[in-house]
Amino acid sequence: MGPSPRPEGGWERRFVADAARAREAVDVYTGAGFEVRAVPARLEDLGGGALREGCESCWLAQAFGFQVIYTRRPPAAPVPRGGGDT
């Protein structure tokens, strides 16, 4: 799915999940009214330290299809003007 959503677009990174949990998260956040994106995890999404040093090929993330979940609130719908009972 292309590059990660940018914070300036109102997107918030929530967490990294395996493919099954990512699908559940998309359903839950969508049901709560959020816009949701699940993008394939990259090496830098998996944290630093020992994991990064021991996983330079990123085989674990690729093998299990880890996804990074991003959400944002949808833009506010315009409030209709007038339109009341007259």
PDB file of N, CA and C in Angstrom:
ATOM      1  N   MET A   1       0.819  -1.184   0.000  1.00  0.00           N
ATOM      2  CA  MET A   1       0.000   0.000   0.000  1.00  0.00           C
ATOM      3  C   MET A   1       0.859   1.242   0.000  1.00  0.00           C
ATOM      4  N   GLY A   2       1.826   1.550  -0.626  1.00  0.00           N
ATOM      5  CA  GLY A   2       2.512   2.828  -0.679  1.00  0.00           C
ATOM      6  C   GLY A   2       3.165   3.227   0.630  1.00  0.00           C
ATOM      7  N   PRO A   3       3.601   4.481   0.693  1.00  0.00           N
ATOM      8  CA  PRO A   3       4.311   4.943   1.881  1.00  0.00           C
ATOM      9  C   PRO A   3       3.411   5.065   3.098  1.00  0.00           C
ATOM     10  N   SER A   4       4.054   5.121   4.256  1.00  0.00           N
ATOM     11  CA  SER A   4       3.316   5.276   5.507  1.00  0.00           C
ATOM     12  C   SER A   4       2.601   6.618   5.528  1.00  0.00           C
ATOM     13  N   PRO A   5       1.413   6.661   6.116  1.00  0.00           N
ATOM     14  CA  PRO A   5       0.712   7.936   6.251  1.00  0.00           C
ATOM     15  C   PRO A   5       1.558   8.919   7.050  1.00  0.00           C
ATOM     16  N   ARG A   6       1.470  10.174   6.723  1.00  0.00           N
ATOM     17  CA  ARG A   6       2.281  11.205   7.373  1.00  0.00           C
ATOM     18  C   ARG A   6       1.524  11.845   8.527  1.00  0.00           C
ATOM     19  N   PRO A   7       2.248  12.138   9.623  1.00  0.00           N
ATOM     20  CA  PRO A   7       1.593  12.779  10.777  1.00  0.00           C
ATOM     21  C   PRO A   7       0.908  14.085  10.412  1.00  0.00           C
ATOM     22  N   GLU A   8       1.502  14.863   9.491  1.00  0.00           N
ATOM     23  CA  GLU A   8       0.882  16.137   9.140  1.00  0.00           C
ATOM     24  C   GLU A   8      -0.457  15.953   8.436  1.00  0.00           C
ATOM     25  N   GLY A   9      -0.744  14.761   7.981  1.00  0.00           N
ATOM     26  CA  GLY A   9      -2.047  14.463   7.394  1.00  0.00           C
ATOM     27  C   GLY A   9      -3.064  14.057   8.450  1.00  0.00           C
ATOM     28  N   GLY A  10      -2.666  14.163   9.714  1.00  0.00           N
ATOM     29  CA  GLY A  10      -3.559  13.810  10.806  1.00  0.00           C
ATOM     30  C   GLY A  10      -3.507  12.346  11.198  1.00  0.00           C
ATOM     31  N   TRP A  11      -2.631  11.570  10.568  1.00  0.00           N
ATOM     32  CA  TRP A  11      -2.537  10.141  10.862  1.00  0.00           C
ATOM     33  C   TRP A  11      -1.741   9.910  12.135  1.00  0.00           C
ATOM     34  N   GLU A  12      -2.211   8.985  12.971  1.00  0.00           N
ATOM     35  CA  GLU A  12      -1.513   8.595  14.193  1.00  0.00           C
ATOM     36  C   GLU A  12      -1.144   7.123  14.098  1.00  0.00           C
ATOM     37  N   ARG A  13       0.110   6.828  14.377  1.00  0.00           N
ATOM     38  CA  ARG A  13       0.549   5.432  14.411  1.00  0.00           C
ATOM     39  C   ARG A  13      -0.006   4.818  15.688  1.00  0.00           C
ATOM     40  N   ARG A  14      -0.663   3.674  15.566  1.00  0.00           N
ATOM     41  CA  ARG A  14      -1.240   3.007  16.735  1.00  0.00           C
ATOM     42  C   ARG A  14      -0.344   1.881  17.229  1.00  0.00           C
ATOM     43  N   PHE A  15      -0.087   0.875  16.395  1.00  0.00           N
ATOM     44  CA  PHE A  15       0.741  -0.252  16.820  1.00  0.00           C
ATOM     45  C   PHE A  15       1.094  -1.119  15.625  1.00  0.00           C
ATOM     46  N   VAL A  16       1.976  -2.100  15.864  1.00  0.00           N
ATOM     47  CA  VAL A  16       2.367  -3.087  14.853  1.00  0.00           C
ATOM     48  C   VAL A  16       1.685  -4.391  15.225  1.00  0.00           C
ATOM     49  N   ALA A  17       1.117  -5.072  14.223  1.00  0.00           N
ATOM     50  CA  ALA A  17       0.379  -6.308  14.494  1.00  0.00           C
ATOM     51  C   ALA A  17       0.612  -7.319  13.374  1.00  0.00           C
ATOM     52  N   ASP A  18       0.387  -8.586  13.704  1.00  0.00           N
ATOM     53  CA  ASP A  18       0.422  -9.601  12.653  1.00  0.00           C
ATOM     54  C   ASP A  18      -0.813  -9.415  11.779  1.00  0.00           C
ATOM     55  N   ALA A  19      -0.852 -10.108  10.659  1.00  0.00           N
ATOM     56  CA  ALA A  19      -1.911  -9.884   9.678  1.00  0.00           C
ATOM     57  C   ALA A  19      -3.324 -10.081  10.241  1.00  0.00           C
ATOM     58  N   ALA A  20      -3.524 -11.119  11.034  1.00  0.00           N
ATOM     59  CA  ALA A  20      -4.858 -11.385  11.590  1.00  0.00           C
ATOM     60  C   ALA A  20      -5.290 -10.278  12.548  1.00  0.00           C
ATOM     61  N   ARG A  21      -4.387  -9.865  13.447  1.00  0.00           N
ATOM     62  CA  ARG A  21      -4.725  -8.787  14.396  1.00  0.00           C
ATOM     63  C   ARG A  21      -4.908  -7.464  13.659  1.00  0.00           C
ATOM     64  N   ALA A  22      -4.169  -7.250  12.586  1.00  0.00           N
ATOM     65  CA  ALA A  22      -4.311  -6.017  11.814  1.00  0.00           C
ATOM     66  C   ALA A  22      -5.711  -5.940  11.205  1.00  0.00           C
ATOM     67  N   ARG A  23      -6.209  -7.053  10.676  1.00  0.00           N
ATOM     68  CA  ARG A  23      -7.571  -7.060  10.103  1.00  0.00           C
ATOM     69  C   ARG A  23      -8.601  -6.751  11.186  1.00  0.00           C
ATOM     70  N   GLU A  24      -8.414  -7.339  12.363  1.00  0.00           N
ATOM     71  CA  GLU A  24      -9.339  -7.053  13.473  1.00  0.00           C
ATOM     72  C   GLU A  24      -9.290  -5.579  13.853  1.00  0.00           C
ATOM     73  N   ALA A  25      -8.088  -5.019  13.932  1.00  0.00           N
ATOM     74  CA  ALA A  25      -7.937  -3.612  14.301  1.00  0.00           C
ATOM     75  C   ALA A  25      -8.602  -2.695  13.279  1.00  0.00           C
ATOM     76  N   VAL A  26      -8.453  -3.015  12.004  1.00  0.00           N
ATOM     77  CA  VAL A  26      -9.098  -2.206  10.962  1.00  0.00           C
ATOM     78  C   VAL A  26     -10.605  -2.222  11.175  1.00  0.00           C
ATOM     79  N   ASP A  27     -11.168  -3.385  11.437  1.00  0.00           N
ATOM     80  CA  ASP A  27     -12.622  -3.487  11.665  1.00  0.00           C
ATOM     81  C   ASP A  27     -13.059  -2.686  12.895  1.00  0.00           C
ATOM     82  N   VAL A  28     -12.291  -2.802  13.986  1.00  0.00           N
ATOM     83  CA  VAL A  28     -12.656  -2.114  15.228  1.00  0.00           C
ATOM     84  C   VAL A  28     -12.563  -0.599  15.056  1.00  0.00           C
ATOM     85  N   TYR A  29     -11.436  -0.123  14.535  1.00  0.00           N
ATOM     86  CA  TYR A  29     -11.269   1.326  14.366  1.00  0.00           C
ATOM     87  C   TYR A  29     -12.261   1.894  13.350  1.00  0.00           C
ATOM     88  N   THR A  30     -12.528   1.163  12.277  1.00  0.00           N
ATOM     89  CA  THR A  30     -13.509   1.621  11.293  1.00  0.00           C
ATOM     90  C   THR A  30     -14.885   1.713  11.939  1.00  0.00           C
ATOM     91  N   GLY A  31     -15.243   0.709  12.720  1.00  0.00           N
ATOM     92  CA  GLY A  31     -16.521   0.722  13.421  1.00  0.00           C
ATOM     93  C   GLY A  31     -16.646   1.864  14.413  1.00  0.00           C
ATOM     94  N   ALA A  32     -15.502   2.335  14.912  1.00  0.00           N
ATOM     95  CA  ALA A  32     -15.503   3.459  15.857  1.00  0.00           C
ATOM     96  C   ALA A  32     -15.469   4.808  15.136  1.00  0.00           C
ATOM     97  N   GLY A  33     -15.509   4.780  13.803  1.00  0.00           N
ATOM     98  CA  GLY A  33     -15.584   6.020  13.041  1.00  0.00           C
ATOM     99  C   GLY A  33     -14.267   6.592  12.553  1.00  0.00           C
ATOM    100  N   PHE A  34     -13.182   5.850  12.711  1.00  0.00           N
ATOM    101  CA  PHE A  34     -11.878   6.326  12.251  1.00  0.00           C
ATOM    102  C   PHE A  34     -11.633   5.931  10.806  1.00  0.00           C
ATOM    103  N   GLU A  35     -10.782   6.695  10.121  1.00  0.00           N
ATOM    104  CA  GLU A  35     -10.180   6.252   8.878  1.00  0.00           C
ATOM    105  C   GLU A  35      -8.993   5.400   9.312  1.00  0.00           C
ATOM    106  N   VAL A  36      -8.747   4.297   8.624  1.00  0.00           N
ATOM    107  CA  VAL A  36      -7.706   3.365   9.049  1.00  0.00           C
ATOM    108  C   VAL A  36      -6.862   2.955   7.854  1.00  0.00           C
ATOM    109  N   ARG A  37      -5.562   2.840   8.101  1.00  0.00           N
ATOM    110  CA  ARG A  37      -4.659   2.280   7.104  1.00  0.00           C
ATOM    111  C   ARG A  37      -3.781   1.252   7.794  1.00  0.00           C
ATOM    112  N   ALA A  38      -3.589   0.137   7.140  1.00  0.00           N
ATOM    113  CA  ALA A  38      -2.655  -0.893   7.603  1.00  0.00           C
ATOM    114  C   ALA A  38      -1.612  -1.028   6.505  1.00  0.00           C
ATOM    115  N   VAL A  39      -0.366  -0.708   6.818  1.00  0.00           N
ATOM    116  CA  VAL A  39       0.700  -0.761   5.825  1.00  0.00           C
ATOM    117  C   VAL A  39       1.736  -1.792   6.256  1.00  0.00           C
ATOM    118  N   PRO A  40       2.371  -2.456   5.289  1.00  0.00           N
ATOM    119  CA  PRO A  40       3.385  -3.453   5.645  1.00  0.00           C
ATOM    120  C   PRO A  40       4.479  -2.834   6.509  1.00  0.00           C
ATOM    121  N   ALA A  41       4.860  -3.544   7.555  1.00  0.00           N
ATOM    122  CA  ALA A  41       5.912  -3.070   8.450  1.00  0.00           C
ATOM    123  C   ALA A  41       7.256  -3.105   7.736  1.00  0.00           C
ATOM    124  N   ARG A  42       8.041  -2.079   8.009  1.00  0.00           N
ATOM    125  CA  ARG A  42       9.410  -2.013   7.513  1.00  0.00           C
ATOM    126  C   ARG A  42      10.335  -2.260   8.699  1.00  0.00           C
ATOM    127  N   LEU A  43      11.586  -2.468   8.432  1.00  0.00           N
ATOM    128  CA  LEU A  43      12.543  -2.754   9.488  1.00  0.00           C
ATOM    129  C   LEU A  43      12.507  -1.683  10.568  1.00  0.00           C
ATOM    130  N   GLU A  44      12.463  -0.419  10.176  1.00  0.00           N
ATOM    131  CA  GLU A  44      12.469   0.657  11.171  1.00  0.00           C
ATOM    132  C   GLU A  44      11.189   0.692  12.002  1.00  0.00           C
ATOM    133  N   ASP A  45      10.109   0.075  11.521  1.00  0.00           N
ATOM    134  CA  ASP A  45       8.862   0.025  12.285  1.00  0.00           C
ATOM    135  C   ASP A  45       8.914  -0.988  13.424  1.00  0.00           C
ATOM    136  N   LEU A  46       9.867  -1.891  13.368  1.00  0.00           N
ATOM    137  CA  LEU A  46       9.940  -2.969  14.347  1.00  0.00           C
ATOM    138  C   LEU A  46      10.796  -2.621  15.552  1.00  0.00           C
ATOM    139  N   GLY A  47      11.243  -1.405  15.651  1.00  0.00           N
ATOM    140  CA  GLY A  47      12.006  -0.973  16.814  1.00  0.00           C
ATOM    141  C   GLY A  47      13.496  -1.091  16.583  1.00  0.00           C
ATOM    142  N   GLY A  48      14.232  -0.742  17.585  1.00  0.00           N
ATOM    143  CA  GLY A  48      15.685  -0.753  17.485  1.00  0.00           C
ATOM    144  C   GLY A  48      16.277  -1.850  18.330  1.00  0.00           C
ATOM    145  N   GLY A  49      17.500  -1.629  18.733  1.00  0.00           N
ATOM    146  CA  GLY A  49      18.175  -2.546  19.634  1.00  0.00           C
ATOM    147  C   GLY A  49      18.448  -3.906  19.028  1.00  0.00           C
ATOM    148  N   ALA A  50      18.349  -4.927  19.870  1.00  0.00           N
ATOM    149  CA  ALA A  50      18.715  -6.289  19.475  1.00  0.00           C
ATOM    150  C   ALA A  50      17.870  -6.800  18.321  1.00  0.00           C
ATOM    151  N   LEU A  51      16.585  -6.456  18.300  1.00  0.00           N
ATOM    152  CA  LEU A  51      15.733  -6.941  17.212  1.00  0.00           C
ATOM    153  C   LEU A  51      16.234  -6.418  15.880  1.00  0.00           C
ATOM    154  N   ARG A  52      16.529  -5.136  15.822  1.00  0.00           N
ATOM    155  CA  ARG A  52      17.001  -4.556  14.572  1.00  0.00           C
ATOM    156  C   ARG A  52      18.341  -5.156  14.160  1.00  0.00           C
ATOM    157  N   GLU A  53      19.262  -5.298  15.118  1.00  0.00           N
ATOM    158  CA  GLU A  53      20.578  -5.832  14.797  1.00  0.00           C
ATOM    159  C   GLU A  53      20.498  -7.288  14.352  1.00  0.00           C
ATOM    160  N   GLY A  54      19.590  -8.060  14.931  1.00  0.00           N
ATOM    161  CA  GLY A  54      19.490  -9.468  14.600  1.00  0.00           C
ATOM    162  C   GLY A  54      18.563  -9.763  13.439  1.00  0.00           C
ATOM    163  N   CYS A  55      17.943  -8.742  12.892  1.00  0.00           N
ATOM    164  CA  CYS A  55      16.915  -8.965  11.869  1.00  0.00           C
ATOM    165  C   CYS A  55      17.095  -8.032  10.680  1.00  0.00           C
ATOM    166  N   GLU A  56      18.327  -7.800  10.271  1.00  0.00           N
ATOM    167  CA  GLU A  56      18.573  -6.867   9.176  1.00  0.00           C
ATOM    168  C   GLU A  56      17.873  -7.306   7.885  1.00  0.00           C
ATOM    169  N   SER A  57      17.676  -8.603   7.674  1.00  0.00           N
ATOM    170  CA  SER A  57      16.997  -9.054   6.458  1.00  0.00           C
ATOM    171  C   SER A  57      15.489  -8.920   6.582  1.00  0.00           C
ATOM    172  N   CYS A  58      15.017  -8.674   7.821  1.00  0.00           N
ATOM    173  CA  CYS A  58      13.597  -8.468   8.083  1.00  0.00           C
ATOM    174  C   CYS A  58      12.745  -9.679   7.703  1.00  0.00           C
ATOM    175  N   TRP A  59      13.318 -10.857   7.779  1.00  0.00           N
ATOM    176  CA  TRP A  59      12.582 -12.059   7.388  1.00  0.00           C
ATOM    177  C   TRP A  59      11.376 -12.300   8.268  1.00  0.00           C
ATOM    178  N   LEU A  60      11.471 -11.968   9.538  1.00  0.00           N
ATOM    179  CA  LEU A  60      10.365 -12.214  10.463  1.00  0.00           C
ATOM    180  C   LEU A  60       9.138 -11.391  10.074  1.00  0.00           C
ATOM    181  N   ALA A  61       9.343 -10.117   9.826  1.00  0.00           N
ATOM    182  CA  ALA A  61       8.230  -9.240   9.442  1.00  0.00           C
ATOM    183  C   ALA A  61       7.615  -9.703   8.129  1.00  0.00           C
ATOM    184  N   GLN A  62       8.437 -10.113   7.178  1.00  0.00           N
ATOM    185  CA  GLN A  62       7.917 -10.568   5.892  1.00  0.00           C
ATOM    186  C   GLN A  62       7.190 -11.900   6.030  1.00  0.00           C
ATOM    187  N   ALA A  63       7.739 -12.805   6.818  1.00  0.00           N
ATOM    188  CA  ALA A  63       7.154 -14.132   6.958  1.00  0.00           C
ATOM    189  C   ALA A  63       5.780 -14.082   7.618  1.00  0.00           C
ATOM    190  N   PHE A  64       5.617 -13.195   8.583  1.00  0.00           N
ATOM    191  CA  PHE A  64       4.352 -13.135   9.310  1.00  0.00           C
ATOM    192  C   PHE A  64       3.463 -11.981   8.877  1.00  0.00           C
ATOM    193  N   GLY A  65       3.888 -11.203   7.909  1.00  0.00           N
ATOM    194  CA  GLY A  65       3.047 -10.137   7.367  1.00  0.00           C
ATOM    195  C   GLY A  65       2.686  -9.063   8.373  1.00  0.00           C
ATOM    196  N   PHE A  66       3.627  -8.666   9.216  1.00  0.00           N
ATOM    197  CA  PHE A  66       3.338  -7.616  10.190  1.00  0.00           C
ATOM    198  C   PHE A  66       2.895  -6.339   9.482  1.00  0.00           C
ATOM    199  N   GLN A  67       1.952  -5.655  10.103  1.00  0.00           N
ATOM    200  CA  GLN A  67       1.403  -4.417   9.552  1.00  0.00           C
ATOM    201  C   GLN A  67       1.475  -3.328  10.615  1.00  0.00           C
ATOM    202  N   VAL A  68       1.640  -2.096  10.169  1.00  0.00           N
ATOM    203  CA  VAL A  68       1.579  -0.950  11.072  1.00  0.00           C
ATOM    204  C   VAL A  68       0.198  -0.331  10.884  1.00  0.00           C
ATOM    205  N   ILE A  69      -0.509  -0.143  11.990  1.00  0.00           N
ATOM    206  CA  ILE A  69      -1.862   0.407  11.961  1.00  0.00           C
ATOM    207  C   ILE A  69      -1.796   1.911  12.212  1.00  0.00           C
ATOM    208  N   TYR A  70      -2.391   2.681  11.307  1.00  0.00           N
ATOM    209  CA  TYR A  70      -2.507   4.132  11.439  1.00  0.00           C
ATOM    210  C   TYR A  70      -3.984   4.492  11.427  1.00  0.00           C
ATOM    211  N   THR A  71      -4.345   5.487  12.218  1.00  0.00           N
ATOM    212  CA  THR A  71      -5.738   5.965  12.210  1.00  0.00           C
ATOM    213  C   THR A  71      -5.755   7.479  12.181  1.00  0.00           C
ATOM    214  N   ARG A  72      -6.881   8.012  11.760  1.00  0.00           N
ATOM    215  CA  ARG A  72      -7.153   9.443  11.901  1.00  0.00           C
ATOM    216  C   ARG A  72      -8.655   9.618  11.933  1.00  0.00           C
ATOM    217  N   ARG A  73      -9.046  10.696  12.569  1.00  0.00           N
ATOM    218  CA  ARG A  73     -10.472  11.014  12.587  1.00  0.00           C
ATOM    219  C   ARG A  73     -10.844  11.577  11.229  1.00  0.00           C
ATOM    220  N   PRO A  74     -12.008  11.225  10.715  1.00  0.00           N
ATOM    221  CA  PRO A  74     -12.411  11.776   9.421  1.00  0.00           C
ATOM    222  C   PRO A  74     -12.671  13.274   9.548  1.00  0.00           C
ATOM    223  N   PRO A  75     -12.542  13.997   8.443  1.00  0.00           N
ATOM    224  CA  PRO A  75     -12.850  15.427   8.497  1.00  0.00           C
ATOM    225  C   PRO A  75     -14.289  15.630   8.947  1.00  0.00           C
ATOM    226  N   ALA A  76     -14.506  16.685   9.701  1.00  0.00           N
ATOM    227  CA  ALA A  76     -15.857  16.982  10.184  1.00  0.00           C
ATOM    228  C   ALA A  76     -16.764  17.276   8.992  1.00  0.00           C
ATOM    229  N   ALA A  77     -17.940  16.718   9.047  1.00  0.00           N
ATOM    230  CA  ALA A  77     -18.915  16.974   7.985  1.00  0.00           C
ATOM    231  C   ALA A  77     -19.415  18.406   8.137  1.00  0.00           C
ATOM    232  N   PRO A  78     -19.609  19.097   7.020  1.00  0.00           N
ATOM    233  CA  PRO A  78     -20.121  20.465   7.125  1.00  0.00           C
ATOM    234  C   PRO A  78     -21.512  20.479   7.741  1.00  0.00           C
ATOM    235  N   VAL A  79     -21.742  21.451   8.571  1.00  0.00           N
ATOM    236  CA  VAL A  79     -23.052  21.609   9.206  1.00  0.00           C
ATOM    237  C   VAL A  79     -23.959  22.323   8.219  1.00  0.00           C
ATOM    238  N   PRO A  80     -25.134  21.735   7.936  1.00  0.00           N
ATOM    239  CA  PRO A  80     -26.052  22.394   6.999  1.00  0.00           C
ATOM    240  C   PRO A  80     -26.515  23.737   7.549  1.00  0.00           C
ATOM    241  N   ARG A  81     -26.611  24.701   6.676  1.00  0.00           N
ATOM    242  CA  ARG A  81     -27.096  26.034   7.086  1.00  0.00           C
ATOM    243  C   ARG A  81     -28.584  26.117   6.836  1.00  0.00           C
ATOM    244  N   GLY A  82     -29.255  26.772   7.749  1.00  0.00           N
ATOM    245  CA  GLY A  82     -30.705  26.918   7.586  1.00  0.00           C
ATOM    246  C   GLY A  82     -31.350  25.560   7.651  1.00  0.00           C
ATOM    247  N   GLY A  83     -32.129  25.236   6.712  1.00  0.00           N
ATOM    248  CA  GLY A  83     -32.687  23.919   6.543  1.00  0.00           C
ATOM    249  C   GLY A  83     -33.613  23.445   7.644  1.00  0.00           C
ATOM    250  N   GLY A  84     -33.881  24.266   8.641  1.00  0.00           N
ATOM    251  CA  GLY A  84     -34.782  23.853   9.704  1.00  0.00           C
ATOM    252  C   GLY A  84     -36.223  24.020   9.262  1.00  0.00           C
ATOM    253  N   ASP A  85     -37.146  23.646  10.122  1.00  0.00           N
ATOM    254  CA  ASP A  85     -38.562  23.839   9.809  1.00  0.00           C
ATOM    255  C   ASP A  85     -38.871  25.333   9.899  1.00  0.00           C
ATOM    256  N   THR A  86     -39.503  25.825   8.875  1.00  0.00           N
ATOM    257  CA  THR A  86     -39.899  27.233   8.895  1.00  0.00           C
ATOM    258  C   THR A  86     -41.340  27.382   8.561  1.00  0.00           C
TER     259      THR A  86
END
